[in-house]
N, C-alpha and C. Protein backbone atom coordinates (compact mmCIF):
# COMPACT_ATOMS: atom_id res chain seq x y z
N MET A 1 51.49 97.01 157.31
CA MET A 1 50.84 97.90 158.44
C MET A 1 51.96 98.52 159.27
N LYS A 2 51.69 99.55 159.82
CA LYS A 2 52.69 100.16 160.88
C LYS A 2 52.31 99.65 162.15
N GLU A 3 53.52 99.58 163.04
CA GLU A 3 53.33 98.95 164.28
C GLU A 3 52.63 99.98 165.27
N LEU A 4 51.80 99.45 166.30
CA LEU A 4 51.29 100.48 167.04
C LEU A 4 51.79 100.80 168.24
N THR A 5 51.59 102.04 168.82
CA THR A 5 52.08 102.19 170.19
C THR A 5 51.03 101.46 171.40
N ILE A 6 51.73 101.41 172.43
CA ILE A 6 50.86 100.76 173.61
C ILE A 6 49.49 101.40 173.65
N LYS A 7 49.55 102.90 173.73
CA LYS A 7 48.27 103.73 173.81
C LYS A 7 47.31 103.37 172.51
N GLN A 8 47.85 103.17 171.27
CA GLN A 8 47.08 102.84 170.15
C GLN A 8 46.46 101.37 170.21
N LYS A 9 47.23 100.63 170.89
CA LYS A 9 46.72 99.05 170.99
C LYS A 9 45.68 99.11 172.23
N ILE A 10 45.73 99.94 173.27
CA ILE A 10 44.52 100.08 174.20
C ILE A 10 43.59 100.55 173.58
N THR A 11 43.57 101.60 172.69
CA THR A 11 42.35 102.12 172.12
C THR A 11 41.69 101.22 171.17
N LEU A 12 42.54 100.31 170.27
CA LEU A 12 42.07 99.27 169.49
C LEU A 12 41.47 98.22 170.27
N GLU A 13 42.03 97.87 171.30
CA GLU A 13 41.37 96.83 172.12
C GLU A 13 40.08 97.21 172.71
N ALA A 14 39.91 98.56 173.27
CA ALA A 14 38.73 99.12 173.82
C ALA A 14 37.72 98.97 172.66
N ILE A 15 37.97 99.35 171.31
CA ILE A 15 37.06 99.24 170.33
C ILE A 15 36.44 97.84 169.89
N GLU A 16 37.41 96.83 170.05
CA GLU A 16 37.21 95.41 169.82
C GLU A 16 36.24 95.00 170.98
N TRP A 17 36.66 95.45 172.25
CA TRP A 17 35.81 95.08 173.37
C TRP A 17 34.27 95.54 173.22
N PHE A 18 34.23 96.77 172.91
CA PHE A 18 32.93 97.39 172.72
C PHE A 18 32.12 96.56 171.60
N ILE A 19 32.53 96.31 170.65
CA ILE A 19 31.97 95.72 169.56
C ILE A 19 31.56 94.30 169.94
N ASP A 20 32.54 93.47 170.65
CA ASP A 20 32.19 92.07 170.88
C ASP A 20 31.10 92.15 172.01
N ARG A 21 30.99 93.19 172.88
CA ARG A 21 29.94 93.28 173.93
C ARG A 21 28.77 93.69 173.52
N ASN A 22 28.68 94.45 172.59
CA ASN A 22 27.31 95.36 172.09
C ASN A 22 26.89 94.76 170.70
N GLY A 23 27.79 94.43 169.89
CA GLY A 23 27.31 93.94 168.56
C GLY A 23 27.39 95.19 167.57
N TYR A 24 27.82 96.33 168.00
CA TYR A 24 28.16 97.66 167.10
C TYR A 24 29.18 98.33 167.56
N SER A 25 29.58 99.37 166.94
CA SER A 25 30.84 99.98 167.22
C SER A 25 30.47 101.36 168.22
N PRO A 26 31.53 101.72 168.94
CA PRO A 26 31.09 102.81 169.92
C PRO A 26 31.24 104.19 169.24
N THR A 27 30.44 105.06 169.87
CA THR A 27 30.70 106.44 169.31
C THR A 27 32.16 106.95 170.06
N PHE A 28 32.40 108.11 169.41
CA PHE A 28 33.64 108.67 169.90
C PHE A 28 33.38 109.18 171.48
N GLN A 29 32.50 109.58 171.88
CA GLN A 29 32.10 109.84 173.35
C GLN A 29 32.02 108.58 174.15
N GLU A 30 31.58 107.54 173.72
CA GLU A 30 31.53 106.05 174.47
C GLU A 30 32.94 105.80 174.60
N LEU A 31 33.68 105.74 173.57
CA LEU A 31 35.28 105.45 173.67
C LEU A 31 35.86 106.31 174.48
N ALA A 32 35.67 107.50 174.45
CA ALA A 32 36.29 108.64 175.64
C ALA A 32 36.03 108.28 176.97
N ASN A 33 34.68 107.78 177.11
CA ASN A 33 34.46 107.44 178.62
C ASN A 33 35.20 106.12 178.91
N ILE A 34 35.12 105.22 178.04
CA ILE A 34 35.82 103.84 178.34
C ILE A 34 37.42 104.19 178.43
N LEU A 35 38.06 105.14 177.95
CA LEU A 35 39.30 105.29 177.95
C LEU A 35 39.85 106.32 179.00
N ASP A 36 38.70 107.02 179.63
CA ASP A 36 38.76 108.07 180.46
C ASP A 36 39.74 109.25 179.88
N CYS A 37 39.44 109.82 178.79
CA CYS A 37 40.17 111.02 178.08
C CYS A 37 38.90 111.71 177.43
N ASN A 38 39.54 112.74 176.79
CA ASN A 38 38.36 113.69 176.06
C ASN A 38 38.15 113.17 174.66
N ILE A 39 37.10 113.56 173.99
CA ILE A 39 36.76 113.30 172.86
C ILE A 39 37.89 113.56 171.66
N CYS A 40 38.46 114.74 171.67
CA CYS A 40 39.46 115.29 170.87
C CYS A 40 40.64 114.33 170.84
N THR A 41 41.04 113.76 171.95
CA THR A 41 42.13 112.62 172.07
C THR A 41 41.69 111.46 171.47
N VAL A 42 40.58 110.96 171.58
CA VAL A 42 39.91 109.87 171.10
C VAL A 42 39.79 109.83 169.48
N PHE A 43 39.49 111.22 169.10
CA PHE A 43 39.37 111.25 167.67
C PHE A 43 40.76 111.28 166.85
N LYS A 44 41.53 111.95 167.62
CA LYS A 44 43.09 111.84 166.90
C LYS A 44 43.62 110.32 166.90
N LYS A 45 43.43 109.57 168.14
CA LYS A 45 43.73 108.15 168.23
C LYS A 45 43.10 107.18 167.04
N VAL A 46 41.86 107.49 166.92
CA VAL A 46 41.08 106.81 165.87
C VAL A 46 41.71 106.97 164.42
N LEU A 47 41.95 108.44 164.14
CA LEU A 47 42.61 108.83 163.08
C LEU A 47 43.80 107.94 162.67
N LEU A 48 44.63 107.99 163.84
CA LEU A 48 45.99 107.43 163.69
C LEU A 48 45.76 105.94 163.44
N LEU A 49 45.05 105.20 164.11
CA LEU A 49 44.59 103.83 163.73
C LEU A 49 43.87 103.67 162.34
N GLU A 50 43.34 104.71 161.84
CA GLU A 50 42.80 104.48 160.57
C GLU A 50 43.94 104.67 159.52
N ASP A 51 44.92 105.73 159.77
CA ASP A 51 45.93 105.94 158.94
C ASP A 51 46.92 104.72 158.97
N LYS A 52 46.96 104.10 159.98
CA LYS A 52 47.73 102.76 159.97
C LYS A 52 47.34 101.49 159.53
N GLY A 53 45.97 101.74 159.11
CA GLY A 53 45.20 100.67 158.38
C GLY A 53 44.56 99.71 159.25
N TYR A 54 44.39 100.03 160.60
CA TYR A 54 43.86 99.11 161.55
C TYR A 54 42.27 99.11 161.68
N VAL A 55 41.68 100.36 161.42
CA VAL A 55 40.26 100.62 161.52
C VAL A 55 39.74 101.50 160.29
N SER A 56 38.71 101.44 160.16
CA SER A 56 38.07 102.27 159.00
C SER A 56 36.78 103.05 159.60
N THR A 57 36.60 104.41 159.15
CA THR A 57 35.22 105.15 159.73
C THR A 57 34.65 105.73 158.54
N ILE A 58 33.60 106.34 158.79
CA ILE A 58 32.86 106.98 157.85
C ILE A 58 32.62 108.60 158.39
N SER A 59 33.19 109.51 157.86
CA SER A 59 33.37 110.65 158.41
C SER A 59 31.93 111.17 158.68
N GLY A 60 31.66 111.85 159.87
CA GLY A 60 30.38 112.51 159.93
C GLY A 60 29.25 111.55 160.39
N LYS A 61 29.39 110.30 160.59
CA LYS A 61 28.30 109.29 160.93
C LYS A 61 28.83 108.68 162.01
N PRO A 62 27.77 108.32 163.06
CA PRO A 62 28.21 107.69 164.37
C PRO A 62 28.18 106.17 164.08
N ARG A 63 28.97 105.64 165.02
CA ARG A 63 29.07 104.29 165.05
C ARG A 63 29.64 103.55 163.70
N THR A 64 30.58 104.10 163.16
CA THR A 64 30.93 103.59 161.94
C THR A 64 32.48 103.14 161.99
N ILE A 65 33.02 102.99 163.23
CA ILE A 65 34.30 102.33 163.40
C ILE A 65 34.36 100.83 163.04
N LYS A 66 34.98 100.57 162.12
CA LYS A 66 35.15 99.06 161.55
C LYS A 66 36.55 98.60 161.88
N VAL A 67 36.68 97.50 162.49
CA VAL A 67 38.05 96.96 162.85
C VAL A 67 38.53 96.21 161.56
N LEU A 68 39.81 96.65 161.13
CA LEU A 68 40.07 96.00 159.79
C LEU A 68 41.15 94.69 160.12
N LYS A 69 41.86 95.04 161.24
CA LYS A 69 43.18 94.32 161.73
C LYS A 69 43.09 94.49 163.21
N GLY A 70 42.68 93.33 163.95
CA GLY A 70 42.61 93.46 165.45
C GLY A 70 44.11 93.66 166.23
N VAL A 71 43.85 93.78 167.46
CA VAL A 71 44.95 94.07 168.26
C VAL A 71 45.76 92.81 168.23
N TYR A 72 45.41 91.70 168.41
CA TYR A 72 46.13 90.46 168.39
C TYR A 72 46.83 90.07 167.03
N GLU A 73 46.49 90.81 166.06
CA GLU A 73 47.21 90.72 164.54
C GLU A 73 48.31 91.45 164.45
N CYS A 74 48.51 92.53 165.51
CA CYS A 74 49.47 93.51 165.51
C CYS A 74 50.83 92.93 165.54
N GLU A 75 51.85 93.50 164.62
CA GLU A 75 53.11 93.13 164.65
C GLU A 75 53.84 93.17 166.12
N VAL A 76 54.48 92.40 166.32
CA VAL A 76 55.39 92.40 167.78
C VAL A 76 56.59 93.01 167.76
């Protein structure tokens, strides 16, 4: 797995926090609200996390972000 940037780690941490708190994954809009950025930025960040093997999603369906490797499992 490729190393994450600080912003990617923050995004992954926000996804994990939301899932731990609610029991299901956030929508892109909910994640944008948490990270205080726009939905296009969140979409790009999640795609990068998916490309690096940290999350998986199902295109076109809401609440399908699945964490494959958590933020504390990232290479240091």
